[in-house]
C-alpha atoms as a PDB file:
ATOM      1  CA  MET A   1      -1.053   3.996  15.784  1.00  0.00           C
ATOM      2  CA  LEU A   2      -3.487   6.825  15.256  1.00  0.00           C
ATOM      3  CA  GLY A   3      -5.138   5.605  12.086  1.00  0.00           C
ATOM      4  CA  TRP A   4      -4.774   3.861   8.785  1.00  0.00           C
ATOM      5  CA  SER A   5      -6.584   3.171   5.527  1.00  0.00           C
ATOM      6  CA  VAL A   6      -5.902   0.933   2.542  1.00  0.00           C
ATOM      7  CA  GLY A   7      -6.921   1.509  -1.033  1.00  0.00           C
ATOM      8  CA  PHE A   8      -5.853   1.439  -4.646  1.00  0.00           C
ATOM      9  CA  MET A   9      -4.484   4.148  -6.894  1.00  0.00           C
ATOM     10  CA  SER A  10      -3.522   4.462 -10.539  1.00  0.00           C
ATOM     11  CA  PRO A  11      -1.377   6.999 -12.371  1.00  0.00           C
ATOM     12  CA  LYS A  12      -3.948   7.136 -15.165  1.00  0.00           C
ATOM     13  CA  GLU A  13      -6.824   9.610 -14.929  1.00  0.00           C
ATOM     14  CA  ASP A  14      -9.093   7.354 -17.006  1.00  0.00           C
ATOM     15  CA  ALA A  15      -8.359   4.278 -14.877  1.00  0.00           C
ATOM     16  CA  GLN A  16     -11.197   2.039 -13.774  1.00  0.00           C
ATOM     17  CA  LYS A  17     -13.046   3.444 -10.782  1.00  0.00           C
ATOM     18  CA  ASN A  18     -13.161   1.297  -7.622  1.00  0.00           C
ATOM     19  CA  PRO A  19     -11.459  -1.891  -8.838  1.00  0.00           C
ATOM     20  CA  THR A  20     -11.783  -4.987  -6.690  1.00  0.00           C
ATOM     21  CA  TYR A  21      -8.841  -6.460  -4.840  1.00  0.00           C
ATOM     22  CA  ARG A  22      -8.858  -9.472  -7.177  1.00  0.00           C
ATOM     23  CA  GLU A  23      -8.769  -7.256 -10.279  1.00  0.00           C
ATOM     24  CA  VAL A  24      -5.776  -5.355  -8.939  1.00  0.00           C
ATOM     25  CA  CYS A  25      -3.976  -8.592  -7.978  1.00  0.00           C
ATOM     26  CA  LYS A  26      -4.585 -10.090 -11.439  1.00  0.00           C
ATOM     27  CA  GLY A  27      -2.912  -7.077 -13.030  1.00  0.00           C
ATOM     28  CA  SER A  28      -5.936  -6.262 -15.186  1.00  0.00           C
ATOM     29  CA  THR A  29      -5.872  -2.622 -14.022  1.00  0.00           C
ATOM     30  CA  THR A  30      -3.088  -0.057 -13.686  1.00  0.00           C
ATOM     31  CA  HIS A  31      -3.694   0.172  -9.945  1.00  0.00           C
ATOM     32  CA  VAL A  32      -1.429  -0.576  -7.016  1.00  0.00           C
ATOM     33  CA  GLU A  33      -2.418  -1.152  -3.418  1.00  0.00           C
ATOM     34  CA  VAL A  34      -1.587   1.751  -1.111  1.00  0.00           C
ATOM     35  CA  LEU A  35      -1.560   2.327   2.629  1.00  0.00           C
ATOM     36  CA  SER A  36      -1.988   5.591   4.472  1.00  0.00           C
ATOM     37  CA  LEU A  37      -0.746   5.469   8.049  1.00  0.00           C
ATOM     38  CA  ARG A  38      -0.856   8.030  10.850  1.00  0.00           C
ATOM     39  CA  PHE A  39       1.317   7.388  13.880  1.00  0.00           C
ATOM     40  CA  ASN A  40       2.597   9.124  16.987  1.00  0.00           C
ATOM     41  CA  SER A  41       6.377   9.551  16.732  1.00  0.00           C
ATOM     42  CA  ASN A  42       6.519   9.797  20.533  1.00  0.00           C
ATOM     43  CA  VAL A  43       5.346   6.184  20.695  1.00  0.00           C
ATOM     44  CA  VAL A  44       7.026   4.592  17.670  1.00  0.00           C
ATOM     45  CA  GLN A  45       9.671   5.964  15.338  1.00  0.00           C
ATOM     46  CA  TYR A  46       9.289   5.988  11.553  1.00  0.00           C
ATOM     47  CA  GLU A  47      12.399   3.820  11.169  1.00  0.00           C
ATOM     48  CA  GLU A  48      10.808   1.125  13.346  1.00  0.00           C
ATOM     49  CA  LEU A  49       7.714   1.081  11.140  1.00  0.00           C
ATOM     50  CA  VAL A  50       9.803   0.770   7.979  1.00  0.00           C
ATOM     51  CA  LYS A  51      11.864  -2.085   9.437  1.00  0.00           C
ATOM     52  CA  PHE A  52       8.680  -3.894  10.498  1.00  0.00           C
ATOM     53  CA  PHE A  53       7.117  -3.430   7.040  1.00  0.00           C
ATOM     54  CA  PHE A  54      10.122  -4.900   5.247  1.00  0.00           C
ATOM     55  CA  THR A  55      10.141  -7.985   7.483  1.00  0.00           C
ATOM     56  CA  PHE A  56       7.173  -9.284   5.467  1.00  0.00           C
ATOM     57  CA  HIS A  57       7.299  -7.266   2.231  1.00  0.00           C
ATOM     58  CA  ASP A  58       9.943  -8.089  -0.368  1.00  0.00           C
ATOM     59  CA  PRO A  59      10.029  -5.471  -3.162  1.00  0.00           C
ATOM     60  CA  THR A  60      12.240  -7.740  -5.269  1.00  0.00           C
ATOM     61  CA  THR A  61       9.492 -10.341  -5.794  1.00  0.00           C
ATOM     62  CA  PHE A  62       7.054 -10.455  -8.715  1.00  0.00           C
ATOM     63  CA  ASN A  63       4.424  -7.692  -8.399  1.00  0.00           C
ATOM     64  CA  LYS A  64       6.413  -6.344  -5.470  1.00  0.00           C
END
């Protein structure tokens, strides 16, 4: 992996700036947690990363 960062984003321009992780988890903001990932496709394929991600992330559960 070449790099990664985690943060929060909201579709609303007037959303709270820099919410805490706990605030986002409680649902008191309009934010969601996001991940930006840079990888070398010569080392690992995108499909492999997606399969790995969905081994521990279930989008059908509450709060995804």
